Amino acid sequence: MDTEVVVAGAGPTGLVAALELARRGIGVRLLDAAPAPFAGSRGKGLQPRSLELLDVVGGVTDRLVALGRTHLPVRRYGPDGVVDEPAQGRAPTPDTPWPSTLLLPQWRVEQVLRERLAVCGVAPEQGVRVEDVATADDGVTVATSEGTLRARYLVGADGGGSTVRRTLGVPFLGETREEMRMVVADVELEGLDREHWHQWGSPSGAPYSWVALCPLPATSTWQLQAGPLDDREPDDPVIAGIVAARGPRVRLRSVAWRSVWRLNVRMVADYRVGPVFLAGDAAHVHSPAGAQGMNTGIGDAMNLGWKLAAVLRGADAGLLDTYTAERLPIAAGVLGISAELSGGAMWARTAAQVRTTSQLDLSYRDGPLGASDDGPGPRPGDRAPDAPVGDSTLFLRRREADWTVLAASAADVEGATVVLAGDEAIATYALAPGEVVAVRPDGYVGRRGTADEVRAWLAPLTAQRGTVRAA
């Protein structure tokens, strides 16, 4: 084998997958067909659950939060005048330190992940294109533009047009609606304040009757969204006209990036073909409404990364079968909410929709690693919330561990780091006397029970040789 895992695609999903493997000491090659890292905004919202998932990776979330912004108020312009709406969001609590969506362009998210990946000694191999894939019982052969690689596993995170998916003949079920198109661009302009997300009109009606301009934090650019498109190419003059129509003093300075977006809602029926796994846009594509695509891909990568690492170090190979079982229902549900919001409700979300798009309520409770258990507190498969523990927090302690066990008194659970719970953590998790809670490497409750019960449950899921600990 040339390496243990090949990851195709160095967007957020591929970067997180490679990082989860590399920081656990797994040999990984990260290939990207583009000659250089992507420079456009594309996605611009990290949801609260993504911030929690990424926090365990060497404090990546601290860096992202320092560069991004939450609670940006909206300014709507309509025939009845201008309406300012207060920013939607909640205050942090001990169990939810990041309760609101973080605005940050996708290229910046990727930059932060690449910096962290470099600490682990891995860099994306730009300009290396996957051309063919052949699977076998003992691994996978990946033919690339730079030669052939042999690996135990391949992660296809190479986008909606995934070469990995198409080469394996995996159907991409769903629909593309050509009549629902808009232009998305990163622009520099003058004449608008950067303390609001400016929005005009409605997504239905005459061409370019709906326009949104969002200032991108820690940059000089704005993300422009405008639609529906007409037959004109959205070139610089067309974009300049869209911007100039916002007001007599509003002018376009430059266009840094542009793309035509079409409503494309698709997903695969299985995330796995032998030693090959699909993740992110290669497995599911979404409406941009609700900022779900990039975040769902990050969830895929976090779910798959620790499982691949554990199996490569001796855990039960059946653990990999849980990837599709856990993530496919999540993608289907997320596709539903993003498609629902595409019809015009994306700027008028209900409180329930805001909670859903935060992804804080996503659960694997009905999955193969969950349990039919309706007792108090977070149950197996549910998100593991933060909680104070001594002079630290559970999330901070999880940065130093892989599997974590929360216990009210001293306990010995092989394969996990035991964290002693004080009164607040006991209340948050509704810990009964003598009960411990195992928290998975991806931040979900794994099992509740006595230390002996949790120890027996953990044995086939953890590495039997080497070390699989967070760096």
Protein backbone atom coordinates (compact mmCIF):
# COMPACT_ATOMS: atom_id res chain seq x y z
CA MET A 1 0.00 0.00 0.00
CA ASP A 2 1.19 3.52 -0.83
CA THR A 3 -0.87 4.94 2.03
CA GLU A 4 -3.66 3.86 4.33
CA VAL A 5 -6.33 6.27 3.08
CA VAL A 6 -6.67 8.44 -0.03
CA VAL A 7 -9.06 11.39 0.27
CA ALA A 8 -10.25 12.88 -3.03
CA GLY A 9 -11.27 16.53 -2.78
CA ALA A 10 -9.81 19.24 -0.55
CA GLY A 11 -12.96 21.21 0.23
CA PRO A 12 -14.24 21.40 3.82
CA THR A 13 -15.38 17.76 3.82
CA GLY A 14 -12.12 16.36 2.46
CA LEU A 15 -10.01 18.57 4.70
CA VAL A 16 -11.89 17.51 7.84
CA ALA A 17 -11.72 13.83 6.84
CA ALA A 18 -7.96 14.08 6.25
CA LEU A 19 -7.49 15.98 9.50
CA GLU A 20 -9.43 13.41 11.53
CA LEU A 21 -7.20 10.67 10.11
CA ALA A 22 -3.86 12.49 10.23
CA ARG A 23 -4.21 13.66 13.83
CA ARG A 24 -4.75 10.04 14.82
CA GLY A 25 -1.56 8.92 13.09
CA ILE A 26 -3.21 7.40 10.01
CA GLY A 27 -1.31 7.66 6.72
CA VAL A 28 -3.38 9.82 4.36
CA ARG A 29 -2.95 11.43 0.93
CA LEU A 30 -5.27 14.34 0.16
CA LEU A 31 -5.75 14.91 -3.59
CA ASP A 32 -7.46 17.87 -5.23
CA ALA A 33 -8.02 18.31 -8.96
CA ALA A 34 -7.90 22.12 -8.79
CA PRO A 35 -4.50 23.74 -9.32
CA ALA A 36 -4.94 25.92 -6.24
CA PRO A 37 -7.27 26.18 -3.23
CA PHE A 38 -10.71 27.53 -4.03
CA ALA A 39 -10.94 31.30 -3.62
CA GLY A 40 -14.72 31.98 -3.59
CA SER A 41 -17.16 32.22 -0.70
CA ARG A 42 -19.66 29.53 -1.76
CA GLY A 43 -21.02 28.54 1.66
CA LYS A 44 -20.76 31.31 4.23
CA GLY A 45 -22.38 29.91 7.36
CA LEU A 46 -21.02 27.48 9.94
CA GLN A 47 -23.83 26.09 12.05
CA PRO A 48 -23.55 25.69 15.84
CA ARG A 49 -23.18 21.91 15.59
CA SER A 50 -20.30 22.21 13.12
CA LEU A 51 -18.51 24.55 15.52
CA GLU A 52 -18.91 21.95 18.25
CA LEU A 53 -17.64 19.13 16.02
CA LEU A 54 -14.59 21.11 14.92
CA ASP A 55 -13.70 22.31 18.41
CA VAL A 56 -12.16 18.95 19.29
CA VAL A 57 -9.66 19.37 16.45
CA GLY A 58 -6.97 21.33 18.24
CA GLY A 59 -9.22 24.28 19.00
CA VAL A 60 -9.98 25.03 15.34
CA THR A 61 -13.27 26.61 16.40
CA ASP A 62 -11.49 29.31 18.42
CA ARG A 63 -9.73 30.45 15.25
CA LEU A 64 -12.92 30.34 13.17
CA VAL A 65 -14.91 32.34 15.72
CA ALA A 66 -12.15 34.98 15.87
CA LEU A 67 -12.44 35.45 12.09
CA GLY A 68 -16.22 35.24 11.72
CA ARG A 69 -19.30 37.03 12.94
CA THR A 70 -22.63 36.13 14.53
CA HIS A 71 -25.81 38.15 15.07
CA LEU A 72 -25.66 40.24 11.88
CA PRO A 73 -28.90 42.24 11.64
CA VAL A 74 -30.92 42.22 8.42
CA ARG A 75 -31.99 45.34 6.54
CA ARG A 76 -34.89 44.75 4.14
CA TYR A 77 -35.87 47.18 1.39
CA GLY A 78 -39.40 47.06 0.02
CA PRO A 79 -42.19 49.20 -1.41
CA ASP A 80 -43.29 50.13 2.10
CA GLY A 81 -39.88 51.43 3.08
CA VAL A 82 -36.85 50.08 4.90
CA VAL A 83 -37.20 47.62 7.73
CA ASP A 84 -34.37 46.74 10.10
CA GLU A 85 -34.69 43.39 11.78
CA PRO A 86 -32.67 42.53 14.87
CA ALA A 87 -30.16 39.75 14.48
CA GLN A 88 -31.52 36.28 15.20
CA GLY A 89 -29.50 34.34 17.71
CA ARG A 90 -29.21 33.17 21.26
CA ALA A 91 -26.79 33.82 24.09
CA PRO A 92 -24.24 31.12 24.95
CA THR A 93 -25.12 28.74 27.78
CA PRO A 94 -22.97 26.21 29.68
CA ASP A 95 -24.28 23.37 27.51
CA THR A 96 -24.22 25.29 24.17
CA PRO A 97 -21.22 27.64 23.87
CA TRP A 98 -21.95 28.53 20.20
CA PRO A 99 -25.72 28.80 19.78
CA SER A 100 -25.80 30.89 16.58
CA THR A 101 -24.68 30.56 12.97
CA LEU A 102 -21.19 31.93 12.34
CA LEU A 103 -20.82 33.94 9.13
CA LEU A 104 -17.52 33.15 7.45
CA PRO A 105 -16.72 32.55 3.75
CA GLN A 106 -15.96 28.97 2.82
CA TRP A 107 -12.49 29.79 1.52
CA ARG A 108 -11.56 31.08 4.97
CA VAL A 109 -12.88 27.92 6.64
CA GLU A 110 -10.73 25.87 4.26
CA GLN A 111 -7.69 28.04 4.99
CA VAL A 112 -8.00 27.44 8.74
CA LEU A 113 -8.40 23.69 8.20
CA ARG A 114 -5.37 23.57 5.88
CA GLU A 115 -3.28 25.37 8.52
CA ARG A 116 -4.27 22.82 11.14
CA LEU A 117 -3.67 19.92 8.73
CA ALA A 118 -0.16 21.22 8.08
CA VAL A 119 0.58 20.86 11.81
CA CYS A 120 -0.16 17.15 11.32
CA GLY A 121 2.31 17.00 8.43
CA VAL A 122 -0.21 16.73 5.59
CA ALA A 123 -0.81 19.15 2.71
CA PRO A 124 -3.38 18.92 -0.10
CA GLU A 125 -1.81 17.76 -3.37
CA GLN A 126 -3.22 20.39 -5.74
CA GLY A 127 -3.65 19.62 -9.43
CA VAL A 128 -3.82 15.84 -8.87
CA ARG A 129 -6.98 14.56 -10.51
CA VAL A 130 -8.62 11.18 -9.82
CA GLU A 131 -9.23 9.47 -13.16
CA ASP A 132 -10.29 5.94 -12.27
CA VAL A 133 -11.03 3.75 -9.27
CA ALA A 134 -10.79 -0.03 -8.96
CA THR A 135 -11.85 -1.84 -5.78
CA ALA A 136 -10.67 -5.18 -4.39
CA ASP A 137 -11.17 -7.13 -1.18
CA ASP A 138 -7.93 -5.82 0.30
CA GLY A 139 -8.16 -2.18 -0.78
CA VAL A 140 -8.54 0.24 -3.67
CA THR A 141 -6.44 1.33 -6.64
CA VAL A 142 -6.75 5.02 -7.54
CA ALA A 143 -5.52 6.09 -10.95
CA THR A 144 -4.62 9.79 -10.92
CA SER A 145 -3.20 12.32 -13.34
CA GLU A 146 0.14 11.87 -11.54
CA GLY A 147 0.23 8.07 -11.32
CA THR A 148 -1.44 5.20 -9.47
CA LEU A 149 -1.97 4.88 -5.71
CA ARG A 150 -2.87 1.81 -3.68
CA ALA A 151 -4.65 2.29 -0.36
CA ARG A 152 -6.83 0.42 2.09
CA TYR A 153 -9.62 2.95 1.76
CA LEU A 154 -10.71 5.86 -0.44
CA VAL A 155 -12.91 8.76 0.67
CA GLY A 156 -14.66 10.47 -2.24
CA ALA A 157 -15.24 14.06 -1.14
CA ASP A 158 -14.82 15.50 -4.62
CA GLY A 159 -18.04 17.48 -4.94
CA GLY A 160 -21.38 17.23 -6.69
CA GLY A 161 -19.75 16.17 -9.97
CA SER A 162 -17.73 13.52 -8.10
CA THR A 163 -15.43 11.48 -10.34
CA VAL A 164 -15.24 8.84 -7.63
CA ARG A 165 -19.03 8.45 -7.54
CA ARG A 166 -19.42 8.42 -11.32
CA THR A 167 -16.54 5.97 -11.83
CA LEU A 168 -18.17 3.52 -9.42
CA GLY A 169 -21.56 3.95 -11.12
CA VAL A 170 -23.37 5.09 -7.99
CA PRO A 171 -26.74 6.68 -8.93
CA PHE A 172 -27.28 10.28 -7.80
CA LEU A 173 -31.01 10.36 -7.12
CA GLY A 174 -33.07 13.56 -7.19
CA GLU A 175 -33.71 16.48 -9.50
CA THR A 176 -32.16 19.60 -11.01
CA ARG A 177 -34.56 22.48 -11.64
CA GLU A 178 -33.10 24.69 -14.34
CA GLU A 179 -35.84 27.30 -13.94
CA MET A 180 -34.62 28.08 -10.41
CA ARG A 181 -31.28 29.79 -10.97
CA MET A 182 -29.44 32.68 -9.40
CA VAL A 183 -26.04 34.30 -9.58
CA VAL A 184 -23.71 34.10 -6.59
CA ALA A 185 -20.64 36.34 -6.59
CA ASP A 186 -18.00 37.83 -4.33
CA VAL A 187 -17.82 41.55 -5.02
CA GLU A 188 -16.25 44.72 -3.72
CA LEU A 189 -18.57 47.72 -3.69
CA GLU A 190 -19.15 51.11 -2.14
CA GLY A 191 -22.21 52.87 -0.78
CA LEU A 192 -23.56 50.31 1.75
CA ASP A 193 -22.79 49.89 5.43
CA ARG A 194 -21.21 46.60 6.47
CA GLU A 195 -23.23 46.32 9.68
CA HIS A 196 -26.27 44.80 7.94
CA TRP A 197 -27.20 41.97 5.62
CA HIS A 198 -29.04 43.95 2.93
CA GLN A 199 -31.98 42.29 1.12
CA TRP A 200 -34.37 43.45 -1.59
CA GLY A 201 -37.51 41.94 -3.08
CA SER A 202 -38.58 38.30 -3.33
CA PRO A 203 -37.09 35.18 -4.96
CA SER A 204 -40.10 35.06 -7.32
CA GLY A 205 -41.00 37.60 -10.00
CA ALA A 206 -39.07 39.44 -12.69
CA PRO A 207 -35.40 38.69 -13.42
CA TYR A 208 -33.13 39.84 -10.59
CA SER A 209 -36.12 40.95 -8.52
CA TRP A 210 -34.52 39.42 -5.43
CA VAL A 211 -31.06 40.58 -4.34
CA ALA A 212 -29.08 40.00 -1.16
CA LEU A 213 -25.73 41.55 -0.26
CA CYS A 214 -23.96 40.12 2.79
CA PRO A 215 -20.66 41.57 4.08
CA LEU A 216 -18.13 38.76 4.50
CA PRO A 217 -16.30 39.06 7.84
CA ALA A 218 -12.55 39.72 7.94
CA THR A 219 -12.55 40.60 4.23
CA SER A 220 -13.30 43.62 2.04
CA THR A 221 -15.82 41.66 -0.03
CA TRP A 222 -19.55 41.01 -0.06
CA GLN A 223 -21.44 37.95 -1.20
CA LEU A 224 -24.04 38.88 -3.82
CA GLN A 225 -27.01 36.60 -4.44
CA ALA A 226 -29.49 37.63 -7.11
CA GLY A 227 -32.25 35.89 -9.00
CA PRO A 228 -34.12 34.64 -10.78
CA LEU A 229 -31.71 34.74 -13.71
CA ASP A 230 -32.78 35.68 -17.21
CA ASP A 231 -31.02 34.56 -20.39
CA ARG A 232 -28.15 37.01 -19.98
CA GLU A 233 -24.73 35.87 -18.86
CA PRO A 234 -24.12 37.39 -15.40
CA ASP A 235 -20.91 39.11 -16.51
CA ASP A 236 -19.36 42.21 -14.93
CA PRO A 237 -21.72 44.71 -16.62
CA VAL A 238 -24.80 42.73 -15.56
CA ILE A 239 -23.55 42.45 -11.97
CA ALA A 240 -22.64 46.16 -11.98
CA GLY A 241 -26.22 46.93 -13.03
CA ILE A 242 -27.67 44.75 -10.26
CA VAL A 243 -25.52 46.51 -7.66
CA ALA A 244 -26.14 50.02 -9.00
CA ALA A 245 -29.91 49.46 -8.83
CA ARG A 246 -29.61 49.17 -5.02
CA GLY A 247 -29.28 52.93 -4.63
CA PRO A 248 -27.87 56.11 -6.16
CA ARG A 249 -24.60 55.86 -4.22
CA VAL A 250 -24.08 52.10 -4.50
CA ARG A 251 -21.39 51.16 -7.02
CA LEU A 252 -19.51 48.00 -7.95
CA ARG A 253 -15.73 48.14 -7.67
CA SER A 254 -14.78 44.63 -8.74
CA VAL A 255 -15.92 41.02 -9.03
CA ALA A 256 -13.61 38.48 -7.37
CA TRP A 257 -15.62 35.35 -8.12
CA ARG A 258 -18.98 34.39 -9.64
CA SER A 259 -21.07 31.30 -10.23
CA VAL A 260 -24.52 30.41 -11.56
CA TRP A 261 -26.43 28.34 -9.03
CA ARG A 262 -29.22 25.93 -10.01
CA LEU A 263 -31.59 24.19 -7.61
CA ASN A 264 -30.04 20.74 -7.45
CA VAL A 265 -31.36 18.36 -4.79
CA ARG A 266 -29.79 14.91 -5.02
CA MET A 267 -28.31 12.15 -2.88
CA VAL A 268 -26.96 8.62 -3.10
CA ALA A 269 -28.74 5.55 -1.76
CA ASP A 270 -25.57 4.17 -0.15
CA TYR A 271 -22.47 5.99 1.08
CA ARG A 272 -20.22 2.96 0.62
CA VAL A 273 -18.95 0.76 -2.20
CA GLY A 274 -16.55 -1.76 -0.64
CA PRO A 275 -13.43 0.16 0.48
CA VAL A 276 -14.75 3.45 -0.96
CA PHE A 277 -16.83 5.95 1.02
CA LEU A 278 -18.66 9.02 -0.29
CA ALA A 279 -18.99 12.20 1.76
CA GLY A 280 -20.18 15.79 1.44
CA ASP A 281 -21.46 17.00 -1.93
CA ALA A 282 -20.30 13.75 -3.54
CA ALA A 283 -23.07 12.06 -1.52
CA HIS A 284 -25.71 14.80 -1.33
CA VAL A 285 -26.25 18.27 -2.82
CA HIS A 286 -28.54 20.88 -1.31
CA SER A 287 -30.25 24.19 -1.78
CA PRO A 288 -28.10 26.97 -0.27
CA ALA A 289 -31.04 27.94 1.92
CA GLY A 290 -30.36 27.45 5.58
CA ALA A 291 -26.59 26.94 5.14
CA GLN A 292 -26.76 23.14 5.26
CA GLY A 293 -24.47 21.75 2.53
CA MET A 294 -21.00 22.49 3.93
CA ASN A 295 -22.18 21.70 7.46
CA THR A 296 -23.63 18.32 6.52
CA GLY A 297 -20.37 17.45 4.76
CA ILE A 298 -18.41 18.31 7.91
CA GLY A 299 -20.72 15.99 9.85
CA ASP A 300 -20.05 13.21 7.34
CA ALA A 301 -16.29 13.62 7.70
CA MET A 302 -16.35 13.65 11.49
CA ASN A 303 -18.53 10.53 11.58
CA LEU A 304 -16.34 8.62 9.11
CA GLY A 305 -12.89 9.77 10.22
CA TRP A 306 -12.77 8.24 13.69
CA LYS A 307 -14.35 5.01 12.44
CA LEU A 308 -11.77 4.54 9.67
CA ALA A 309 -8.95 5.27 12.11
CA ALA A 310 -10.25 2.81 14.67
CA VAL A 311 -10.72 0.00 12.14
CA LEU A 312 -7.27 0.59 10.67
CA ARG A 313 -5.87 0.10 14.18
CA GLY A 314 -7.76 -3.09 14.95
CA ALA A 315 -11.38 -2.22 15.84
CA ASP A 316 -14.18 -4.40 14.50
CA ALA A 317 -14.49 -3.77 10.73
CA GLY A 318 -18.28 -3.82 11.10
CA LEU A 319 -17.98 -0.34 12.59
CA LEU A 320 -17.65 1.03 9.04
CA ASP A 321 -21.11 -0.29 8.15
CA THR A 322 -22.58 2.22 10.59
CA TYR A 323 -21.45 5.18 8.45
CA THR A 324 -24.22 4.90 5.85
CA ALA A 325 -26.75 3.81 8.46
CA GLU A 326 -26.13 6.94 10.54
CA ARG A 327 -25.46 9.58 7.92
CA LEU A 328 -27.94 8.75 5.14
CA PRO A 329 -31.07 9.57 7.22
CA ILE A 330 -29.40 12.80 8.34
CA ALA A 331 -28.73 13.88 4.73
CA ALA A 332 -32.29 13.02 3.71
CA GLY A 333 -33.70 15.15 6.52
CA VAL A 334 -31.36 18.05 5.79
CA LEU A 335 -32.29 17.92 2.10
CA GLY A 336 -35.90 18.24 3.13
CA ILE A 337 -35.41 21.36 5.25
CA SER A 338 -33.14 23.07 2.70
CA ALA A 339 -35.60 22.36 -0.13
CA GLU A 340 -38.45 23.64 2.04
CA LEU A 341 -36.61 26.90 2.66
CA SER A 342 -35.83 27.39 -1.04
CA GLY A 343 -39.40 28.34 -1.82
CA GLY A 344 -39.00 31.83 -0.40
CA ALA A 345 -39.11 31.06 3.31
CA MET A 346 -35.35 31.28 3.61
CA TRP A 347 -35.57 34.87 4.87
CA ALA A 348 -38.58 34.27 7.11
CA ARG A 349 -37.70 31.15 9.05
CA THR A 350 -39.71 30.01 12.05
CA ALA A 351 -38.04 29.41 15.40
CA ALA A 352 -38.38 25.67 14.80
CA GLN A 353 -36.66 25.98 11.40
CA VAL A 354 -33.83 28.01 12.92
CA ARG A 355 -33.32 25.27 15.51
CA THR A 356 -33.39 22.60 12.80
CA THR A 357 -30.84 24.36 10.60
CA SER A 358 -28.51 24.77 13.59
CA GLN A 359 -28.16 20.93 13.45
CA LEU A 360 -28.04 20.81 17.26
CA ASP A 361 -30.97 18.39 17.32
CA LEU A 362 -29.52 15.89 14.82
CA SER A 363 -29.38 12.47 16.45
CA TYR A 364 -28.29 8.91 15.68
CA ARG A 365 -30.66 7.56 18.34
CA ASP A 366 -32.30 5.16 15.88
CA GLY A 367 -29.00 4.08 14.33
CA PRO A 368 -26.97 0.90 14.87
CA LEU A 369 -24.81 2.45 17.62
CA GLY A 370 -27.75 3.98 19.44
CA ALA A 371 -30.21 2.25 21.74
CA SER A 372 -33.94 2.15 22.39
CA ASP A 373 -33.65 4.14 25.56
CA ASP A 374 -36.02 6.92 26.58
CA GLY A 375 -34.62 7.76 30.00
CA PRO A 376 -33.72 11.29 31.20
CA GLY A 377 -30.80 13.29 29.84
CA PRO A 378 -29.03 12.86 26.49
CA ARG A 379 -29.52 9.27 25.31
CA PRO A 380 -27.31 7.08 23.10
CA GLY A 381 -27.13 8.69 19.65
CA ASP A 382 -27.98 12.19 20.90
CA ARG A 383 -25.64 15.18 20.82
CA ALA A 384 -23.38 15.29 23.86
CA PRO A 385 -23.74 18.83 25.30
CA ASP A 386 -20.99 20.77 26.98
CA ALA A 387 -20.90 21.10 30.78
CA PRO A 388 -18.57 22.52 33.44
CA VAL A 389 -16.15 19.89 34.84
CA GLY A 390 -13.85 21.11 37.60
CA ASP A 391 -12.01 24.21 36.43
CA SER A 392 -12.60 23.27 32.76
CA THR A 393 -15.46 22.12 30.51
CA LEU A 394 -16.29 18.80 28.91
CA PHE A 395 -15.62 20.21 25.43
CA LEU A 396 -12.16 21.41 26.48
CA ARG A 397 -11.37 18.04 28.04
CA ARG A 398 -12.50 16.28 24.87
CA ARG A 399 -9.71 18.10 22.97
CA GLU A 400 -7.28 15.92 24.93
CA ALA A 401 -9.10 12.63 24.33
CA ASP A 402 -10.77 10.41 21.77
CA TRP A 403 -13.46 8.45 23.58
CA THR A 404 -14.53 10.25 26.77
CA VAL A 405 -16.40 8.80 29.72
CA LEU A 406 -18.26 11.15 32.07
CA ALA A 407 -18.57 9.73 35.59
CA ALA A 408 -19.66 11.08 38.96
CA SER A 409 -16.90 9.15 40.74
CA ALA A 410 -13.66 7.39 39.85
CA ALA A 411 -14.11 4.72 37.17
CA ASP A 412 -11.84 2.59 35.01
CA VAL A 413 -12.93 2.27 31.39
CA GLU A 414 -10.22 0.95 29.08
CA GLY A 415 -9.98 2.78 25.75
CA ALA A 416 -11.47 6.04 27.07
CA THR A 417 -10.49 9.10 29.09
CA VAL A 418 -12.56 9.37 32.26
CA VAL A 419 -13.73 12.88 33.19
CA LEU A 420 -15.21 13.45 36.63
CA ALA A 421 -18.56 15.20 36.60
CA GLY A 422 -19.52 17.84 39.14
CA ASP A 423 -23.05 18.82 40.09
CA GLU A 424 -23.74 20.82 36.91
CA ALA A 425 -22.54 18.05 34.57
CA ILE A 426 -24.47 15.46 36.58
CA ALA A 427 -27.62 17.56 36.15
CA THR A 428 -27.01 18.22 32.42
CA TYR A 429 -26.57 14.50 31.71
CA ALA A 430 -29.07 13.30 34.35
CA LEU A 431 -26.45 10.86 35.68
CA ALA A 432 -27.89 8.28 38.03
CA PRO A 433 -25.79 6.89 40.93
CA GLY A 434 -23.21 4.47 39.56
CA GLU A 435 -23.96 5.42 35.94
CA VAL A 436 -21.36 6.62 33.42
CA VAL A 437 -21.81 8.13 29.95
CA ALA A 438 -19.49 7.33 27.04
CA VAL A 439 -19.08 10.20 24.56
CA ARG A 440 -18.03 9.22 21.04
CA PRO A 441 -15.07 10.86 19.27
CA ASP A 442 -17.56 12.81 17.12
CA GLY A 443 -19.39 14.27 20.10
CA TYR A 444 -22.46 12.03 20.38
CA VAL A 445 -23.50 9.93 23.33
CA GLY A 446 -22.39 6.35 22.73
CA ARG A 447 -23.62 4.39 25.71
CA ARG A 448 -24.96 4.87 29.23
CA GLY A 449 -24.66 2.28 31.98
CA THR A 450 -22.30 0.95 34.60
CA ALA A 451 -18.57 1.16 33.99
CA ASP A 452 -18.51 -2.59 33.26
CA GLU A 453 -21.34 -2.30 30.72
CA VAL A 454 -19.72 0.64 28.94
CA ARG A 455 -16.31 -1.07 28.95
CA ALA A 456 -17.75 -4.17 27.26
CA TRP A 457 -19.65 -2.08 24.71
CA LEU A 458 -16.55 -0.04 23.86
CA ALA A 459 -14.17 -2.97 23.32
CA PRO A 460 -15.00 -3.74 19.64
CA LEU A 461 -15.24 -0.04 18.74
CA THR A 462 -11.79 1.09 19.86
CA ALA A 463 -8.33 0.44 18.50
CA GLN A 464 -6.69 -2.79 19.59
CA ARG A 465 -3.17 -1.70 18.66
CA GLY A 466 -1.29 1.57 18.39
CA THR A 467 -2.99 4.72 19.56
CA VAL A 468 -6.04 6.56 18.35
CA ARG A 469 -5.92 9.72 20.43
CA ALA A 470 -6.48 13.30 19.52
CA ALA A 471 -3.32 15.30 18.77
